[in-house]
C-alpha atoms as a PDB file:
ATOM      1  CA  MET A   1       0.000   0.000   0.000  1.00  0.00           C
ATOM      2  CA  VAL A   2       2.900   2.384   0.715  1.00  0.00           C
ATOM      3  CA  LEU A   3       4.236   1.961  -2.831  1.00  0.00           C
ATOM      4  CA  ARG A   4       0.751   2.352  -4.257  1.00  0.00           C
ATOM      5  CA  PHE A   5       0.123   5.628  -2.434  1.00  0.00           C
ATOM      6  CA  THR A   6       3.642   6.915  -3.125  1.00  0.00           C
ATOM      7  CA  PHE A   7       3.544   6.277  -6.861  1.00  0.00           C
ATOM      8  CA  GLY A   8      -0.082   7.400  -7.040  1.00  0.00           C
ATOM      9  CA  LEU A   9       0.097  10.620  -5.049  1.00  0.00           C
ATOM     10  CA  VAL A  10       3.558  11.903  -6.044  1.00  0.00           C
ATOM     11  CA  PRO A  11       2.694  12.089  -9.775  1.00  0.00           C
ATOM     12  CA  ILE A  12      -0.604  13.775  -8.898  1.00  0.00           C
ATOM     13  CA  VAL A  13       1.126  16.394  -6.745  1.00  0.00           C
ATOM     14  CA  ALA A  14       3.952  16.950  -9.253  1.00  0.00           C
ATOM     15  CA  GLY A  15       1.419  17.114 -12.088  1.00  0.00           C
ATOM     16  CA  ALA A  16      -0.713  19.664 -10.272  1.00  0.00           C
ATOM     17  CA  ASP A  17       2.387  21.740  -9.533  1.00  0.00           C
ATOM     18  CA  LYS A  18       3.052  22.021 -13.282  1.00  0.00           C
ATOM     19  CA  PHE A  19       0.133  24.471 -13.246  1.00  0.00           C
ATOM     20  CA  THR A  20       1.292  26.506 -10.236  1.00  0.00           C
ATOM     21  CA  ASP A  21       5.112  26.181 -10.133  1.00  0.00           C
ATOM     22  CA  LEU A  22       4.987  26.371  -6.327  1.00  0.00           C
ATOM     23  CA  LEU A  23       7.619  23.643  -5.866  1.00  0.00           C
ATOM     24  CA  VAL A  24       9.896  24.485  -8.786  1.00  0.00           C
ATOM     25  CA  ASN A  25       9.938  26.123 -12.219  1.00  0.00           C
ATOM     26  CA  TRP A  26       9.385  22.946 -14.196  1.00  0.00           C
ATOM     27  CA  ASP A  27      10.184  24.589 -17.544  1.00  0.00           C
ATOM     28  CA  THR A  28      13.903  24.505 -16.670  1.00  0.00           C
ATOM     29  CA  TYR A  29      13.842  20.692 -16.734  1.00  0.00           C
ATOM     30  CA  LEU A  30      12.773  20.548 -20.378  1.00  0.00           C
ATOM     31  CA  ASN A  31      15.536  19.894 -22.863  1.00  0.00           C
ATOM     32  CA  PRO A  32      15.893  23.064 -24.998  1.00  0.00           C
ATOM     33  CA  ASN A  33      16.200  20.919 -28.132  1.00  0.00           C
ATOM     34  CA  ILE A  34      12.787  19.432 -27.426  1.00  0.00           C
ATOM     35  CA  ALA A  35      11.337  22.833 -26.498  1.00  0.00           C
ATOM     36  CA  SER A  36      12.498  24.315 -29.813  1.00  0.00           C
ATOM     37  CA  MET A  37      10.559  21.668 -31.759  1.00  0.00           C
ATOM     38  CA  LEU A  38       7.255  22.316 -30.001  1.00  0.00           C
ATOM     39  CA  PRO A  39       4.457  24.263 -31.696  1.00  0.00           C
ATOM     40  CA  PHE A  40       3.724  25.966 -28.349  1.00  0.00           C
ATOM     41  CA  SER A  41       5.629  27.269 -25.338  1.00  0.00           C
ATOM     42  CA  ALA A  42       7.607  25.099 -22.944  1.00  0.00           C
ATOM     43  CA  HIS A  43       5.209  26.118 -20.180  1.00  0.00           C
ATOM     44  CA  VAL A  44       2.177  24.843 -22.109  1.00  0.00           C
ATOM     45  CA  PHE A  45       4.054  21.602 -22.778  1.00  0.00           C
ATOM     46  CA  MET A  46       4.791  21.216 -19.070  1.00  0.00           C
ATOM     47  CA  GLN A  47       1.108  21.767 -18.285  1.00  0.00           C
ATOM     48  CA  ILE A  48       0.263  18.952 -20.724  1.00  0.00           C
ATOM     49  CA  VAL A  49       2.893  16.839 -18.953  1.00  0.00           C
ATOM     50  CA  GLY A  50       1.227  17.730 -15.653  1.00  0.00           C
ATOM     51  CA  GLY A  51      -2.133  16.506 -16.911  1.00  0.00           C
ATOM     52  CA  ILE A  52      -0.586  13.227 -18.033  1.00  0.00           C
ATOM     53  CA  GLU A  53       1.119  12.821 -14.650  1.00  0.00           C
ATOM     54  CA  ILE A  54      -2.165  13.358 -12.821  1.00  0.00           C
ATOM     55  CA  ILE A  55      -3.842  10.707 -14.976  1.00  0.00           C
ATOM     56  CA  ALA A  56      -0.904   8.305 -14.435  1.00  0.00           C
ATOM     57  CA  GLY A  57      -1.169   8.791 -10.668  1.00  0.00           C
ATOM     58  CA  LEU A  58      -4.893   8.074 -10.741  1.00  0.00           C
ATOM     59  CA  ILE A  59      -4.270   4.910 -12.758  1.00  0.00           C
ATOM     60  CA  VAL A  60      -1.702   3.778 -10.158  1.00  0.00           C
ATOM     61  CA  LEU A  61      -4.263   4.251  -7.391  1.00  0.00           C
ATOM     62  CA  ALA A  62      -6.927   2.321  -9.332  1.00  0.00           C
ATOM     63  CA  LYS A  63      -4.810  -0.341 -11.080  1.00  0.00           C
ATOM     64  CA  PRO A  64      -1.252  -0.437  -9.709  1.00  0.00           C
ATOM     65  CA  SER A  65      -0.155  -3.282 -11.986  1.00  0.00           C
ATOM     66  CA  ILE A  66      -0.844  -1.089 -15.030  1.00  0.00           C
ATOM     67  CA  GLY A  67      -0.176   2.329 -13.496  1.00  0.00           C
ATOM     68  CA  GLY A  68       3.162   1.222 -12.082  1.00  0.00           C
ATOM     69  CA  ARG A  69       4.370   0.323 -15.571  1.00  0.00           C
ATOM     70  CA  ILE A  70       3.107   3.629 -16.976  1.00  0.00           C
ATOM     71  CA  VAL A  71       4.893   5.624 -14.256  1.00  0.00           C
ATOM     72  CA  MET A  72       8.035   3.519 -14.768  1.00  0.00           C
ATOM     73  CA  ALA A  73       8.086   4.282 -18.503  1.00  0.00           C
ATOM     74  CA  TRP A  74       7.337   7.960 -17.843  1.00  0.00           C
ATOM     75  CA  LEU A  75      10.202   8.269 -15.355  1.00  0.00           C
ATOM     76  CA  ILE A  76      12.616   6.588 -17.759  1.00  0.00           C
ATOM     77  CA  CYS A  77      11.620   9.042 -20.503  1.00  0.00           C
ATOM     78  CA  ILE A  78      12.145  11.983 -18.148  1.00  0.00           C
ATOM     79  CA  ALA A  79      15.568  10.657 -17.115  1.00  0.00           C
ATOM     80  CA  LEU A  80      16.637  10.113 -20.728  1.00  0.00           C
ATOM     81  CA  GLN A  81      15.702  13.638 -21.788  1.00  0.00           C
ATOM     82  CA  LEU A  82      17.574  15.046 -18.767  1.00  0.00           C
ATOM     83  CA  LEU A  83      20.658  12.988 -19.651  1.00  0.00           C
ATOM     84  CA  ALA A  84      20.412  14.144 -23.273  1.00  0.00           C
ATOM     85  CA  MET A  85      20.274  17.727 -22.018  1.00  0.00           C
ATOM     86  CA  GLY A  86      23.529  17.173 -20.144  1.00  0.00           C
ATOM     87  CA  LYS A  87      22.160  18.679 -16.925  1.00  0.00           C
ATOM     88  CA  TYR A  88      20.416  17.559 -13.769  1.00  0.00           C
ATOM     89  CA  TYR A  89      22.211  14.210 -13.611  1.00  0.00           C
ATOM     90  CA  ASP A  90      21.154  13.842  -9.967  1.00  0.00           C
ATOM     91  CA  VAL A  91      17.488  14.156 -10.908  1.00  0.00           C
ATOM     92  CA  ALA A  92      17.947  11.701 -13.794  1.00  0.00           C
ATOM     93  CA  VAL A  93      19.480   9.102 -11.485  1.00  0.00           C
ATOM     94  CA  ARG A  94      16.735   9.672  -8.907  1.00  0.00           C
ATOM     95  CA  ASP A  95      14.082   9.194 -11.601  1.00  0.00           C
ATOM     96  CA  LEU A  96      15.706   5.952 -12.763  1.00  0.00           C
ATOM     97  CA  VAL A  97      15.718   4.649  -9.183  1.00  0.00           C
ATOM     98  CA  MET A  98      12.079   5.692  -8.818  1.00  0.00           C
ATOM     99  CA  ALA A  99      11.329   3.857 -12.078  1.00  0.00           C
ATOM    100  CA  ILE A 100      12.672   0.677 -10.491  1.00  0.00           C
ATOM    101  CA  GLY A 101      10.363   1.276  -7.525  1.00  0.00           C
ATOM    102  CA  ALA A 102       7.380   1.801  -9.842  1.00  0.00           C
ATOM    103  CA  MET A 103       8.189  -1.444 -11.670  1.00  0.00           C
ATOM    104  CA  SER A 104       8.433  -3.201  -8.302  1.00  0.00           C
ATOM    105  CA  LEU A 105       4.964  -1.898  -7.440  1.00  0.00           C
ATOM    106  CA  ALA A 106       3.582  -3.175 -10.748  1.00  0.00           C
ATOM    107  CA  ARG A 107       5.076  -6.630 -10.232  1.00  0.00           C
ATOM    108  CA  LEU A 108       4.131  -6.882  -6.560  1.00  0.00           C
ATOM    109  CA  SER A 109       0.572  -5.800  -7.241  1.00  0.00           C
ATOM    110  CA  ARG A 110       0.098  -8.865  -9.440  1.00  0.00           C
ATOM    111  CA  VAL A 111       0.990 -11.103  -6.491  1.00  0.00           C
ATOM    112  CA  VAL A 112      -0.465  -9.156  -3.552  1.00  0.00           C
ATOM    113  CA  THR A 113      -3.978  -7.789  -3.772  1.00  0.00           C
END
């Protein structure tokens, strides 16, 4: 249950903060190469990301075996774009470790109900 609530609530909180920037200015974590290819601002993109994170968190709370895999893939994508940017290596490593935790949740939820 701890993993379920952690990987359900953290994406919801982080996703909601993409709309308020109370915790951090999320736009700085977007690779400028990706930002330059977008048809809209980096901030709008991060708000879209926030919406996706909220949905992913809700899926974890409802179906952790599926949501855990979604959050795992999402965290890996975030880490890869941070590594490609050549900045925030500490955050990239943290996200990869969190991805392992999300995968553990997905696998455990198939065994423990």
